[in-house]
Structures are given as C-alpha cells and as structure tokens.
Amino acid sequence: VWEVRELSQNGEELDTPLVLKDSWVDSTRTREADVLRAIREASDSEKPELSKYYRTIIDASLFNTANYGDVKVCGETDDTVTVIRRGLDLQQFKKTLAIKAEPLAHKTIISRMPPVGMAPPPDKKQPSGLQYSAKVHHRVVFKEVGIRTTEVESLAKVFGYLCDVVIGLEALHALKWVHRDISIGNILVAEGVGMITDVEYAKSEDATTQHGMRTGTLFFMAVEVDEGRYLYRPVDTQETPEPSEDTKLASVMAIADFMVRKRQAGKGESELPGDPEPDVPPAIDLPEISCTEEFFRHNPLHDLESVFWVALWLVLCSEFVKNDPTKTDEQWAGYMVAHGNFAADLFCDFNIRKDVMTSSSQYFLSHITNLLPQVQEILLLLNRVRTILITRYLKKEATLRTPNHQLDFSVAENLHPMICDVFRRIKANLEAKDLRVVIKQEDSIPVKLVKKRLRNKVENATTANEARTSSRAVAEDLPEPNRQLELGADSESQQAHPLADRLFAQPWQHQ
C-alpha cells in the first residue's frame, strides 16, 4: 500500500494525497471496488426512510475509490496462470514426491505436500492441501489516507474509533452483508473516524458463490470460523425415567441375594448362580436423525467477535507510557511482560481462545489478576462484550435444528449499540486517566513475546517433524508389515505451522 499523488496533464503532482493498493487477488472474486459499489447500492435500495441514513454511515465507514483495474503486461492481464505459469496445469503434478535427505544418503523421505498453496493448519479436519485459485495482479486507488489504530497514541481515542467501526458494521449487517476479515490491519483512522477497509472478502446474505477458503486473519478470527462449525448448538438429550422406590428395593434385594449365593459357591457350598436379570429401561423414542450436511457460513456475530479480539489485542499488545509514579520502571516493565504473556496465551493457543469464548466469566477473569490495574478495569468491561456475544450465540444456535442449518444475517440485531456502550464507557474511563501508547519502529514488549511464543511453536513443530522424518527413514529398513505400521502412525505428521512472521505481515487464510 502506497501513498501517491495524481499527476496533472503537465506532469505536476496534485496536492491531494491518494492511496494505491497493489495486490494479487483471486481471479474468481469480485474486485474490492465492485464490492464497495454493491454495498452502497444496497444502502440505496433499502426502505426510503432508512436509505439516506444507511448511505451516510456507509460513506463515513468505508473507503471511496478513485480508480481501479487489473494490471496489464504487454496487453495481457497479469495473472498467475496466463503470464506466470504460461497455462501450465499444476494439478498433474499433485503426486507424492520422493527426495533425498542428503545427496549421498540411501534413505528416501516421502513428501506429501501439494505443489501449490501453503501448508494446511494443524487441524485433523484438513485432510488435503490447500488449493489456491489463480491470482490476478490488481490495483485500486482510494481517496482517503489513513493510519492504523496501532499508530494512535491515546487508548481512549482507540476505543472511540472501535465504536465507529461497530457503527459501520451495524449498517453493513443491516444491509445483509458481512465483512469476514475484521483485524487491526483492516481498521484505519481517516479524517478523525475509525474506518473499515479491505472489503474484497465481504459477502451478501444471498451470495451463492463458494470458494475453497475460509477467510480471516488468524489472531482475530472468530473461534467458530477457525473451527469451521457451530460451537453453541444444543446437545440432544433425553432423560431415562427414574425407577420407583419399590423397584429400587427389589433390585437391591436381588443383588444382595446374588452376592450371598456367589460367596457360597466360592466355598463349594452351592453352585455358581447366574447373573441377575438386568433392569431394562423402557424403550426411548430416538429423534429422527437428519443426514443433511451442516452448512456453516460467516455471519454478523463473527464480525463482532473479531472486533472483540481486536480490542483485546490493542489493550494487551500495546506498550504504555508509565503514568503511575508509585511504580518503578522495573515494575512497569513487569506489567508489560505480564500483558505479553497473556496475549501469547490468547493469540497463540487456539484451545485457550476457544475456552474464553465457551466458558464462564470466571475463566477469563482469572487470567487478568497480575495485569496493570487500569488494564484489569478495561478487561472487566470487555468481558461484558464477551458475555453479550456468547449469550446471543447460545440463543440463536439453539434454533439450528432446521434442515438447512443456517443462521440469517439478523442474528446480531440490537447488539451493536450494546457493544458501543461498553466501548464508550471504556473511553470515558480512560479520558480521566489515559493510557498513552509508546509509538516506535520496533515491536512492543508484548508483541515480541507473542512472536517468541509463535516461533517456539514453529521450532517445536519442526523438531517433532524432524524426529518423525528420522523415524520414517529408519522404517524404510523394517520388514514391510512393521514399516506400514510405523508410517501409518503419524497421520498428522504432515501438518505444518505457518511461519510466525507471516502472521504479522498479512492476513492468513485457510481452507
């Protein structure tokens, strides 16, 4: 992304700055400028009494394009199929590849990695490698120039901008659209307003096109989206009727008699009795099981959950200027380390993220006792957002017994003002005693700890894979039945972790 200037006919730079976004997009996806136009057209087609208000909010919340188009090279569209691969079909090369560990080694290492796409995440539900569609070199020019929320020095202002984002999402969701990739990189501050960017993955409720990718930025992705399934659906249960007191008495008497006769048989005083007749409960009418495949899709609640994760990141991963004279520099640095460790737990361990979104408040709040007191107060209020979302998830997914297994886009109705109220309260509390963010070129202390945790996970995964590779090489010399057992024991060994730095450089998308 570049800040640029338009040139006049005389070749002179015009005063108004613009933003040029240069990227490679899926050839089958609607271009970002076209998505923005479709959203604005949707706002115009709503009820007349609401139309102009939706349009005002959308125009204030989403960027406006000055120009856009696919890049041409020698008259041809610059894409990965025609220009880069010259039409070569890589599907023919999707085979097991045998390579030598060392030039002089006699052992063969089997690689099952596909020739295209990045490694699948460590998820048992991902049996095959990713298949990326063809990419097209695309450029779009925006009229607004913004900065990231991580470049805003006042945490109070940050929560004001997050409130702007929730207001923008309220209008977007009311128009039956979802963004699907809310993250710290896709929230910018321009002209004093928190604005939503990167809408190329946004979808309308009536969209029928499906892509073989789940979109979202890993750290800020809703837990359900990361799992690819609904997590709050009720479990079908049916109680067994309790036996009467007379039945209980008869059962105990029969068991007592059985035990006495069994002891007597052990002494040779009588024959071994047969087992007592089991108490067969009355027949239960089992519910009819539908074989319809569950169709999971991104909905507005997921966008709002992403805002929750963004808020947590901005609080925990910012390095603050010391504003408490009673604390020493060492104590203050200790708080920043504590923030980073908690952030590493939340953003590097999916199980903890899942527990946060499926457990009681006690679980979440038990992790914040060693944080900066002012941060504890913020997290207590953010816990309110968490409980609002979980409550709505439980309520709406309780209805997922219908054959099509879908939630409509009204699932988050009336939640946006409630979340905005929480953010406004945090902003008001901070305005009395603000937390100032240290803005510097290098990573903050908390972010360094998050990256360190990610690199450790990558190294551990690499070490484990090397050990499995060594075991597999040794297995080449085993008799065939044992070798098959050895190779078949590591069905997950081909799963690899994404590189830590890539997670910070760009959104991570997976199948």
Protein backbone atom coordinates (compact mmCIF):
# COMPACT_ATOMS: atom_id res chain seq x y z
CA VAL A 1 0.00 0.00 0.00
CA TRP A 2 1.46 3.33 -1.05
CA GLU A 3 0.61 6.98 -0.55
CA VAL A 4 0.62 8.51 -4.03
CA ARG A 5 -0.14 11.74 -5.87
CA GLU A 6 -2.10 12.14 -9.06
CA LEU A 7 -0.26 13.92 -11.87
CA SER A 8 -1.79 16.74 -13.87
CA GLN A 9 -1.68 16.78 -17.67
CA ASN A 10 1.52 18.79 -17.33
CA GLY A 11 3.12 16.06 -15.18
CA GLU A 12 2.89 18.06 -11.96
CA GLU A 13 1.86 16.49 -8.66
CA LEU A 14 -1.57 17.48 -7.38
CA ASP A 15 -1.91 18.42 -3.73
CA THR A 16 -4.48 15.82 -2.66
CA PRO A 17 -2.84 12.58 -1.48
CA LEU A 18 -4.29 9.24 -2.53
CA VAL A 19 -3.62 5.62 -1.57
CA LEU A 20 -2.61 2.94 -4.07
CA LYS A 21 -3.21 -0.66 -3.05
CA ASP A 22 -1.27 -3.18 -5.13
CA SER A 23 -2.22 -6.82 -4.56
CA TRP A 24 -2.83 -10.23 -6.08
CA VAL A 25 -6.48 -11.25 -5.82
CA ASP A 26 -8.36 -14.43 -6.65
CA SER A 27 -9.34 -14.26 -10.30
CA THR A 28 -12.84 -15.52 -9.47
CA ARG A 29 -13.52 -12.97 -6.73
CA THR A 30 -15.37 -9.73 -7.21
CA ARG A 31 -12.94 -6.81 -7.13
CA GLU A 32 -12.91 -4.66 -4.00
CA ALA A 33 -14.20 -1.52 -5.72
CA ASP A 34 -17.12 -3.51 -7.14
CA VAL A 35 -17.91 -4.86 -3.67
CA LEU A 36 -17.91 -1.31 -2.28
CA ARG A 37 -20.27 -0.21 -5.05
CA ALA A 38 -22.59 -3.17 -4.39
CA ILE A 39 -22.75 -2.29 -0.69
CA ARG A 40 -23.60 1.33 -1.46
CA GLU A 41 -26.23 0.24 -3.94
CA ALA A 42 -27.73 -1.98 -1.25
CA SER A 43 -27.99 1.04 1.04
CA ASP A 44 -29.86 2.93 -1.68
CA SER A 45 -32.33 0.07 -2.17
CA GLU A 46 -33.38 -0.15 1.49
CA LYS A 47 -36.53 1.41 2.92
CA PRO A 48 -36.77 5.08 1.89
CA GLU A 49 -36.90 6.30 5.50
CA LEU A 50 -33.64 4.45 6.28
CA SER A 51 -31.86 4.66 2.96
CA LYS A 52 -30.19 8.03 3.38
CA TYR A 53 -29.04 7.21 6.93
CA TYR A 54 -27.51 3.88 5.90
CA ARG A 55 -25.79 5.60 2.98
CA THR A 56 -24.40 8.30 5.29
CA ILE A 57 -23.00 5.70 7.71
CA ILE A 58 -21.59 3.55 4.89
CA ASP A 59 -19.91 6.55 3.24
CA ALA A 60 -18.38 7.55 6.59
CA SER A 61 -17.25 3.99 7.44
CA LEU A 62 -15.99 2.58 4.13
CA PHE A 63 -13.32 3.97 1.82
CA ASN A 64 -14.13 5.57 -1.52
CA THR A 65 -12.32 4.54 -4.70
CA ALA A 66 -10.86 6.92 -7.26
CA ASN A 67 -9.88 4.27 -9.81
CA TYR A 68 -9.13 0.57 -10.10
CA GLY A 69 -8.27 -2.17 -12.58
CA ASP A 70 -6.27 -5.31 -13.31
CA VAL A 71 -2.64 -4.77 -14.32
CA LYS A 72 -1.77 -5.43 -17.97
CA VAL A 73 1.57 -6.81 -19.17
CA CYS A 74 2.15 -6.49 -22.92
CA GLY A 75 -1.59 -6.24 -23.38
CA GLU A 76 -2.36 -9.35 -21.31
CA THR A 77 -3.84 -9.42 -17.82
CA ASP A 78 -1.02 -10.10 -15.35
CA ASP A 79 -2.10 -13.32 -13.66
CA THR A 80 -0.55 -16.50 -12.31
CA VAL A 81 -1.99 -18.78 -14.99
CA THR A 82 -1.51 -17.00 -18.31
CA VAL A 83 1.58 -14.89 -17.60
CA ILE A 84 3.49 -16.62 -14.81
CA ARG A 85 2.70 -20.32 -15.44
CA ARG A 86 2.12 -19.89 -19.17
CA GLY A 87 -1.02 -22.00 -18.87
CA LEU A 88 0.74 -24.93 -17.15
CA ASP A 89 -1.74 -27.03 -15.14
CA LEU A 90 -0.17 -27.92 -11.79
CA GLN A 91 -2.84 -30.46 -10.92
CA GLN A 92 -0.94 -33.07 -12.95
CA PHE A 93 1.97 -32.73 -10.55
CA LYS A 94 -0.09 -33.39 -7.41
CA LYS A 95 1.71 -36.61 -6.61
CA THR A 96 3.85 -37.99 -3.82
CA LEU A 97 7.35 -36.59 -4.29
CA ALA A 98 10.43 -38.64 -3.34
CA ILE A 99 13.54 -36.64 -2.46
CA LYS A 100 16.89 -37.50 -0.92
CA ALA A 101 17.64 -36.26 2.59
CA GLU A 102 21.33 -35.90 1.58
CA PRO A 103 22.99 -36.41 -1.80
CA LEU A 104 24.90 -39.47 -0.56
CA ALA A 105 22.13 -40.86 1.62
CA HIS A 106 20.33 -44.04 0.66
CA LYS A 107 17.16 -43.25 2.59
CA THR A 108 14.12 -41.77 0.91
CA ILE A 109 11.95 -39.12 2.54
CA ILE A 110 8.37 -39.02 1.34
CA SER A 111 6.83 -35.56 0.95
CA ARG A 112 3.07 -35.33 0.70
CA MET A 113 2.98 -31.55 0.38
CA PRO A 114 0.94 -30.33 -2.61
CA PRO A 115 2.76 -28.35 -5.32
CA VAL A 116 0.55 -25.29 -4.77
CA GLY A 117 -0.67 -23.40 -1.76
CA MET A 118 0.71 -23.12 1.75
CA ALA A 119 0.80 -25.85 4.36
CA PRO A 120 -2.58 -26.66 5.93
CA PRO A 121 -3.03 -25.71 9.59
CA PRO A 122 -2.60 -28.38 12.27
CA ASP A 123 -6.21 -29.47 12.17
CA LYS A 124 -7.40 -33.06 11.89
CA LYS A 125 -10.28 -31.87 9.75
CA GLN A 126 -7.92 -30.75 6.97
CA PRO A 127 -7.10 -33.97 5.12
CA SER A 128 -5.84 -32.38 1.91
CA GLY A 129 -3.56 -29.49 0.97
CA LEU A 130 -4.87 -26.07 0.10
CA GLN A 131 -5.74 -25.34 -3.49
CA TYR A 132 -5.34 -21.68 -4.33
CA SER A 133 -7.22 -20.33 -7.29
CA ALA A 134 -5.48 -18.31 -9.98
CA LYS A 135 -4.37 -14.85 -8.86
CA VAL A 136 -4.67 -11.60 -10.77
CA HIS A 137 -2.46 -8.55 -10.29
CA HIS A 138 -4.87 -5.79 -9.28
CA ARG A 139 -4.58 -2.15 -8.25
CA VAL A 140 -7.11 0.14 -6.64
CA VAL A 141 -6.74 3.82 -5.71
CA PHE A 142 -8.55 5.16 -2.63
CA LYS A 143 -9.39 8.76 -1.90
CA GLU A 144 -8.80 8.56 1.86
CA VAL A 145 -5.39 8.28 3.54
CA GLY A 146 -5.46 6.67 6.98
CA ILE A 147 -3.29 5.32 9.77
CA ARG A 148 -3.62 2.09 11.74
CA THR A 149 -5.12 2.07 15.20
CA THR A 150 -1.73 0.80 16.44
CA GLU A 151 -0.33 4.22 15.47
CA VAL A 152 -2.76 6.13 17.70
CA GLU A 153 -1.11 7.28 20.93
CA SER A 154 -4.27 7.58 23.04
CA LEU A 155 -6.01 4.34 24.07
CA ALA A 156 -9.12 6.41 24.85
CA LYS A 157 -9.25 7.55 21.22
CA VAL A 158 -8.68 3.98 20.05
CA PHE A 159 -11.89 2.85 21.74
CA GLY A 160 -13.72 5.78 20.19
CA TYR A 161 -12.56 4.57 16.77
CA LEU A 162 -13.59 0.99 17.58
CA CYS A 163 -17.05 2.35 18.37
CA ASP A 164 -17.08 3.93 14.88
CA VAL A 165 -16.25 0.53 13.42
CA VAL A 166 -19.13 -1.15 15.28
CA ILE A 167 -21.49 1.55 13.97
CA GLY A 168 -20.24 0.88 10.45
CA LEU A 169 -20.75 -2.85 10.92
CA GLU A 170 -24.29 -2.22 12.17
CA ALA A 171 -25.14 -0.55 8.87
CA LEU A 172 -23.29 -3.22 6.89
CA HIS A 173 -25.13 -6.02 8.71
CA ALA A 174 -28.48 -4.27 8.35
CA LEU A 175 -27.85 -4.30 4.59
CA LYS A 176 -27.35 -8.10 4.84
CA TRP A 177 -23.59 -8.03 4.31
CA VAL A 178 -20.72 -9.39 6.40
CA HIS A 179 -17.10 -8.23 6.25
CA ARG A 180 -15.42 -11.56 7.20
CA ASP A 181 -11.93 -10.16 7.86
CA ILE A 182 -12.02 -7.61 10.68
CA SER A 183 -8.48 -7.18 12.06
CA ILE A 184 -6.08 -4.49 13.27
CA GLY A 185 -4.81 -4.18 9.70
CA ASN A 186 -8.28 -3.59 8.29
CA ILE A 187 -9.30 -0.81 10.68
CA LEU A 188 -7.84 2.57 9.78
CA VAL A 189 -8.32 6.07 11.12
CA ALA A 190 -9.01 8.66 8.43
CA GLU A 191 -10.45 12.15 8.81
CA GLY A 192 -10.98 11.52 12.53
CA VAL A 193 -13.14 8.41 12.03
CA GLY A 194 -12.47 4.70 12.50
CA MET A 195 -13.00 3.21 9.05
CA ILE A 196 -13.26 -0.36 7.72
CA THR A 197 -11.00 -1.40 4.84
CA ASP A 198 -10.28 -4.49 2.74
CA VAL A 199 -13.84 -5.47 1.88
CA GLU A 200 -12.85 -7.76 -1.00
CA TYR A 201 -13.90 -10.78 1.09
CA ALA A 202 -17.23 -9.29 2.17
CA LYS A 203 -20.33 -11.23 1.18
CA SER A 204 -24.03 -10.59 1.00
CA GLU A 205 -26.55 -12.92 2.57
CA ASP A 206 -27.88 -14.04 -0.80
CA ALA A 207 -24.41 -14.75 -2.27
CA THR A 208 -24.22 -18.23 -3.78
CA THR A 209 -20.56 -18.31 -4.87
CA GLN A 210 -18.41 -20.58 -2.72
CA HIS A 211 -14.62 -20.54 -2.55
CA GLY A 212 -12.41 -23.28 -1.12
CA MET A 213 -11.06 -20.92 1.54
CA ARG A 214 -12.10 -19.70 4.95
CA THR A 215 -11.16 -16.07 5.18
CA GLY A 216 -9.97 -14.08 8.13
CA THR A 217 -6.85 -13.03 9.98
CA LEU A 218 -5.77 -15.78 12.35
CA PHE A 219 -5.46 -13.79 15.58
CA PHE A 220 -8.81 -12.04 15.13
CA MET A 221 -10.85 -14.78 13.53
CA ALA A 222 -14.00 -15.81 15.41
CA VAL A 223 -13.48 -19.17 17.12
CA GLU A 224 -16.36 -20.73 15.19
CA VAL A 225 -14.86 -19.61 11.88
CA ASP A 226 -11.49 -21.06 12.89
CA GLU A 227 -13.24 -24.33 13.73
CA GLY A 228 -15.47 -24.21 10.67
CA ARG A 229 -18.52 -25.33 12.62
CA TYR A 230 -21.15 -24.05 15.04
CA LEU A 231 -19.98 -24.39 18.66
CA TYR A 232 -23.07 -23.36 20.59
CA ARG A 233 -25.64 -25.79 19.25
CA PRO A 234 -27.64 -27.59 21.94
CA VAL A 235 -26.91 -31.24 22.63
CA ASP A 236 -29.93 -33.52 22.13
CA THR A 237 -30.67 -35.23 25.45
CA GLN A 238 -33.46 -37.43 26.73
CA GLU A 239 -33.71 -38.45 30.38
CA THR A 240 -34.32 -42.05 31.44
CA PRO A 241 -37.30 -42.28 33.84
CA GLU A 242 -36.31 -42.74 37.48
CA PRO A 243 -37.32 -46.15 38.95
CA SER A 244 -39.91 -46.23 41.73
CA GLU A 245 -38.93 -46.92 45.36
CA ASP A 246 -40.42 -50.44 45.15
CA THR A 247 -38.33 -51.15 42.05
CA LYS A 248 -35.17 -49.89 43.76
CA LEU A 249 -35.86 -52.12 46.82
CA ALA A 250 -36.45 -55.21 44.67
CA SER A 251 -33.25 -54.58 42.73
CA VAL A 252 -31.12 -54.20 45.87
CA MET A 253 -32.65 -57.38 47.40
CA ALA A 254 -31.90 -59.36 44.22
CA ILE A 255 -28.27 -58.13 44.13
CA ALA A 256 -27.79 -58.95 47.85
CA ASP A 257 -29.13 -62.48 47.32
CA PHE A 258 -26.86 -62.90 44.28
CA MET A 259 -23.77 -61.85 46.24
CA VAL A 260 -24.58 -64.28 49.10
CA ARG A 261 -25.05 -67.23 46.73
CA LYS A 262 -21.88 -66.29 44.83
CA ARG A 263 -19.86 -66.38 48.07
CA GLN A 264 -21.41 -69.74 48.95
CA ALA A 265 -20.48 -71.10 45.54
CA GLY A 266 -16.92 -69.95 46.11
CA LYS A 267 -16.78 -72.05 49.27
CA GLY A 268 -18.18 -75.06 47.44
CA GLU A 269 -21.43 -74.91 49.35
CA SER A 270 -23.60 -74.38 46.26
CA GLU A 271 -23.46 -73.96 42.51
CA LEU A 272 -22.37 -70.65 40.96
CA PRO A 273 -25.52 -68.61 40.38
CA GLY A 274 -26.25 -66.99 37.06
CA ASP A 275 -26.01 -63.24 36.69
CA PRO A 276 -29.10 -61.35 37.89
CA GLU A 277 -31.52 -60.21 35.26
CA PRO A 278 -30.60 -56.68 34.15
CA ASP A 279 -33.11 -53.90 34.65
CA VAL A 280 -34.09 -52.98 31.12
CA PRO A 281 -35.27 -49.38 30.96
CA PRO A 282 -38.38 -48.61 28.95
CA ALA A 283 -37.87 -48.03 25.25
CA ILE A 284 -36.87 -44.49 24.26
CA ASP A 285 -38.15 -42.89 21.11
CA LEU A 286 -34.96 -41.77 19.35
CA PRO A 287 -35.21 -38.50 17.41
CA GLU A 288 -35.13 -38.73 13.66
CA ILE A 289 -31.58 -38.08 12.50
CA SER A 290 -31.20 -35.82 9.50
CA CYS A 291 -28.45 -36.67 7.04
CA THR A 292 -28.38 -33.12 5.71
CA GLU A 293 -24.80 -31.76 5.73
CA GLU A 294 -24.37 -28.81 8.05
CA PHE A 295 -23.70 -25.67 6.04
CA PHE A 296 -21.56 -23.33 8.12
CA ARG A 297 -21.14 -19.77 6.97
CA HIS A 298 -19.81 -16.50 8.29
CA ASN A 299 -22.46 -14.31 9.96
CA PRO A 300 -22.52 -10.85 11.63
CA LEU A 301 -21.78 -12.30 15.09
CA HIS A 302 -18.41 -13.40 13.77
CA ASP A 303 -17.58 -9.85 12.65
CA LEU A 304 -18.41 -8.56 16.13
CA GLU A 305 -16.34 -11.27 17.79
CA SER A 306 -13.41 -10.20 15.62
CA VAL A 307 -13.85 -6.66 16.97
CA PHE A 308 -13.65 -8.15 20.49
CA TRP A 309 -10.33 -9.84 19.64
CA VAL A 310 -9.05 -6.63 18.06
CA ALA A 311 -9.89 -4.73 21.25
CA LEU A 312 -8.05 -7.32 23.36
CA TRP A 313 -5.01 -7.09 21.09
CA LEU A 314 -4.91 -3.28 21.25
CA VAL A 315 -5.08 -3.38 25.06
CA LEU A 316 -2.70 -6.27 25.73
CA CYS A 317 -0.16 -5.77 22.94
CA SER A 318 0.37 -2.02 23.32
CA GLU A 319 3.32 -0.76 25.31
CA PHE A 320 2.16 2.08 27.55
CA VAL A 321 3.95 5.14 28.88
CA LYS A 322 4.32 4.87 32.67
CA ASN A 323 1.59 7.04 34.23
CA ASP A 324 1.86 5.86 37.83
CA PRO A 325 4.70 7.47 39.86
CA THR A 326 4.26 4.88 42.62
CA LYS A 327 5.52 2.14 40.24
CA THR A 328 9.22 1.69 39.47
CA ASP A 329 10.41 1.28 35.89
CA GLU A 330 11.06 -2.40 36.63
CA GLN A 331 7.54 -2.89 37.97
CA TRP A 332 6.05 -1.15 34.94
CA ALA A 333 8.11 -3.30 32.57
CA GLY A 334 6.90 -6.33 34.53
CA TYR A 335 3.31 -5.37 33.80
CA MET A 336 4.12 -5.13 30.08
CA VAL A 337 5.63 -8.62 30.22
CA ALA A 338 2.51 -9.92 32.01
CA HIS A 339 0.36 -8.36 29.28
CA GLY A 340 2.50 -10.04 26.63
CA ASN A 341 2.30 -13.45 28.28
CA PHE A 342 -1.49 -13.24 28.48
CA ALA A 343 -1.63 -12.07 24.86
CA ALA A 344 0.57 -15.00 23.83
CA ASP A 345 -1.86 -17.38 25.57
CA LEU A 346 -4.86 -15.82 23.85
CA PHE A 347 -3.47 -15.43 20.36
CA CYS A 348 -1.14 -18.42 20.05
CA ASP A 349 -3.20 -21.17 21.66
CA PHE A 350 -6.49 -21.98 19.95
CA ASN A 351 -7.70 -24.07 22.90
CA ILE A 352 -7.42 -21.09 25.25
CA ARG A 353 -9.21 -18.85 22.72
CA LYS A 354 -11.96 -21.45 22.46
CA ASP A 355 -12.23 -21.71 26.26
CA VAL A 356 -12.53 -17.92 26.52
CA MET A 357 -15.48 -17.94 24.14
CA THR A 358 -17.21 -21.00 25.59
CA SER A 359 -16.55 -20.75 29.34
CA SER A 360 -17.82 -18.65 32.22
CA SER A 361 -16.55 -15.20 33.11
CA GLN A 362 -14.56 -16.72 35.96
CA TYR A 363 -12.25 -18.49 33.50
CA PHE A 364 -11.50 -15.30 31.56
CA LEU A 365 -11.15 -13.03 34.58
CA SER A 366 -8.92 -15.47 36.46
CA HIS A 367 -6.16 -14.67 33.95
CA ILE A 368 -6.07 -10.89 34.50
CA THR A 369 -5.18 -10.57 38.18
CA ASN A 370 -1.48 -9.82 37.54
CA LEU A 371 -2.07 -7.17 34.88
CA LEU A 372 -1.91 -3.41 35.23
CA PRO A 373 -4.89 -2.34 37.41
CA GLN A 374 -6.12 0.08 34.76
CA VAL A 375 -5.96 -2.70 32.17
CA GLN A 376 -7.87 -5.00 34.52
CA GLU A 377 -10.68 -2.44 34.61
CA ILE A 378 -10.78 -2.37 30.79
CA LEU A 379 -10.86 -6.17 30.57
CA LEU A 380 -13.68 -6.33 33.10
CA LEU A 381 -15.73 -4.19 30.72
CA LEU A 382 -14.60 -6.16 27.65
CA ASN A 383 -15.82 -9.25 29.45
CA ARG A 384 -19.26 -7.71 29.09
CA VAL A 385 -18.81 -7.77 25.28
CA ARG A 386 -17.73 -11.40 25.53
CA THR A 387 -20.82 -12.40 27.52
CA ILE A 388 -23.11 -10.43 25.17
CA LEU A 389 -21.74 -12.39 22.22
CA ILE A 390 -21.87 -15.79 23.93
CA THR A 391 -25.44 -15.18 25.10
CA ARG A 392 -26.52 -14.36 21.55
CA TYR A 393 -24.61 -17.32 20.10
CA LEU A 394 -26.42 -19.67 22.50
CA LYS A 395 -29.80 -18.14 21.80
CA LYS A 396 -29.53 -18.19 18.01
CA GLU A 397 -27.80 -21.52 17.59
CA ALA A 398 -30.46 -23.17 19.73
CA THR A 399 -32.62 -22.87 16.61
CA LEU A 400 -30.18 -24.84 14.46
CA ARG A 401 -32.40 -27.90 14.26
CA THR A 402 -33.81 -26.97 10.87
CA PRO A 403 -32.79 -28.95 7.80
CA ASN A 404 -30.72 -26.20 6.19
CA HIS A 405 -28.66 -25.48 9.35
CA GLN A 406 -28.23 -21.76 8.60
CA LEU A 407 -28.45 -18.55 10.56
CA ASP A 408 -29.81 -15.49 8.83
CA PHE A 409 -27.97 -12.17 8.98
CA SER A 410 -30.28 -10.69 11.61
CA VAL A 411 -28.54 -12.73 14.33
CA ALA A 412 -26.67 -9.70 15.71
CA GLU A 413 -29.64 -7.33 15.66
CA ASN A 414 -29.57 -4.81 18.58
CA LEU A 415 -26.12 -5.97 19.76
CA HIS A 416 -24.15 -3.19 18.09
CA PRO A 417 -25.46 -0.38 20.38
CA MET A 418 -24.76 -2.55 23.44
CA ILE A 419 -21.14 -3.09 22.36
CA CYS A 420 -20.76 0.60 21.52
CA ASP A 421 -21.97 1.48 25.03
CA VAL A 422 -19.19 -0.67 26.51
CA PHE A 423 -16.55 0.96 24.30
CA ARG A 424 -17.84 4.42 25.18
CA ARG A 425 -17.63 3.61 28.88
CA ILE A 426 -14.03 2.43 28.46
CA LYS A 427 -13.26 5.63 26.54
CA ALA A 428 -14.83 7.78 29.27
CA ASN A 429 -12.87 5.99 31.99
CA LEU A 430 -9.62 6.44 30.07
CA GLU A 431 -10.24 10.12 29.43
CA ALA A 432 -9.97 10.67 33.18
CA LYS A 433 -6.55 8.98 33.18
CA ASP A 434 -5.49 7.93 29.71
CA LEU A 435 -3.04 5.20 28.81
CA ARG A 436 -0.60 6.60 26.27
CA VAL A 437 0.81 4.14 23.76
CA VAL A 438 4.54 4.10 23.02
CA ILE A 439 4.84 4.51 19.24
CA LYS A 440 8.14 3.17 17.91
CA GLN A 441 9.56 1.37 14.90
CA GLU A 442 10.36 -1.87 16.70
CA ASP A 443 7.79 -4.22 18.20
CA SER A 444 6.36 -3.51 21.64
CA ILE A 445 7.35 -5.77 24.55
CA PRO A 446 4.04 -7.70 24.42
CA VAL A 447 4.25 -8.22 20.64
CA LYS A 448 7.81 -9.52 21.00
CA LEU A 449 6.54 -12.10 23.50
CA VAL A 450 3.71 -13.14 21.16
CA LYS A 451 6.18 -13.58 18.29
CA LYS A 452 8.54 -15.51 20.55
CA ARG A 453 5.73 -17.89 21.52
CA LEU A 454 4.86 -18.40 17.85
CA ARG A 455 8.47 -19.09 16.88
CA ASN A 456 8.77 -21.61 19.71
CA LYS A 457 5.69 -23.38 18.37
CA VAL A 458 7.21 -23.42 14.89
CA GLU A 459 10.54 -24.74 16.21
CA ASN A 460 8.82 -27.40 18.30
CA ALA A 461 6.76 -28.46 15.32
CA THR A 462 9.91 -28.56 13.17
CA THR A 463 11.75 -30.65 15.76
CA ALA A 464 8.83 -33.04 16.01
CA ASN A 465 8.65 -33.31 12.22
CA GLU A 466 12.40 -33.98 12.03
CA ALA A 467 12.04 -36.74 14.62
CA ARG A 468 9.18 -38.26 12.65
CA THR A 469 11.19 -37.95 9.43
CA SER A 470 14.12 -39.77 11.06
CA SER A 471 11.75 -42.48 12.29
CA ARG A 472 10.28 -42.76 8.82
CA ALA A 473 13.74 -43.10 7.26
CA VAL A 474 14.69 -45.87 9.71
CA ALA A 475 11.38 -47.53 8.93
CA GLU A 476 12.48 -47.96 5.33
CA ASP A 477 14.69 -50.84 6.54
CA LEU A 478 11.97 -52.53 8.60
CA PRO A 479 10.03 -55.56 7.32
CA GLU A 480 7.06 -54.45 5.25
CA PRO A 481 4.28 -55.02 7.88
CA ASN A 482 6.19 -53.12 10.59
CA ARG A 483 7.10 -50.36 8.17
CA GLN A 484 3.45 -49.83 7.32
CA LEU A 485 2.59 -49.58 11.00
CA GLU A 486 5.39 -47.06 11.54
CA LEU A 487 4.38 -44.89 8.62
CA GLY A 488 0.69 -45.13 9.41
CA ALA A 489 1.13 -43.98 13.00
CA ASP A 490 1.71 -40.32 12.15
CA SER A 491 -1.36 -39.31 10.19
CA GLU A 492 -0.85 -35.75 11.44
CA SER A 493 2.88 -35.56 10.75
CA GLN A 494 2.42 -33.69 7.50
CA GLN A 495 0.65 -30.78 9.20
CA ALA A 496 2.87 -27.70 9.43
CA HIS A 497 2.60 -24.42 11.29
CA PRO A 498 2.58 -21.13 9.36
CA LEU A 499 5.70 -19.05 9.89
CA ALA A 500 5.37 -16.61 12.75
CA ASP A 501 6.39 -13.50 10.84
CA ARG A 502 3.90 -14.20 8.05
CA LEU A 503 1.07 -13.90 10.55
CA PHE A 504 2.11 -10.32 11.21
CA ALA A 505 2.83 -9.44 7.60
CA GLN A 506 -0.54 -10.31 6.08
CA PRO A 507 -3.91 -11.92 6.77
CA TRP A 508 -3.74 -15.69 6.95
CA GLN A 509 -6.40 -17.62 5.09
CA HIS A 510 -7.00 -21.29 5.36
CA GLN A 511 -9.32 -23.89 4.00
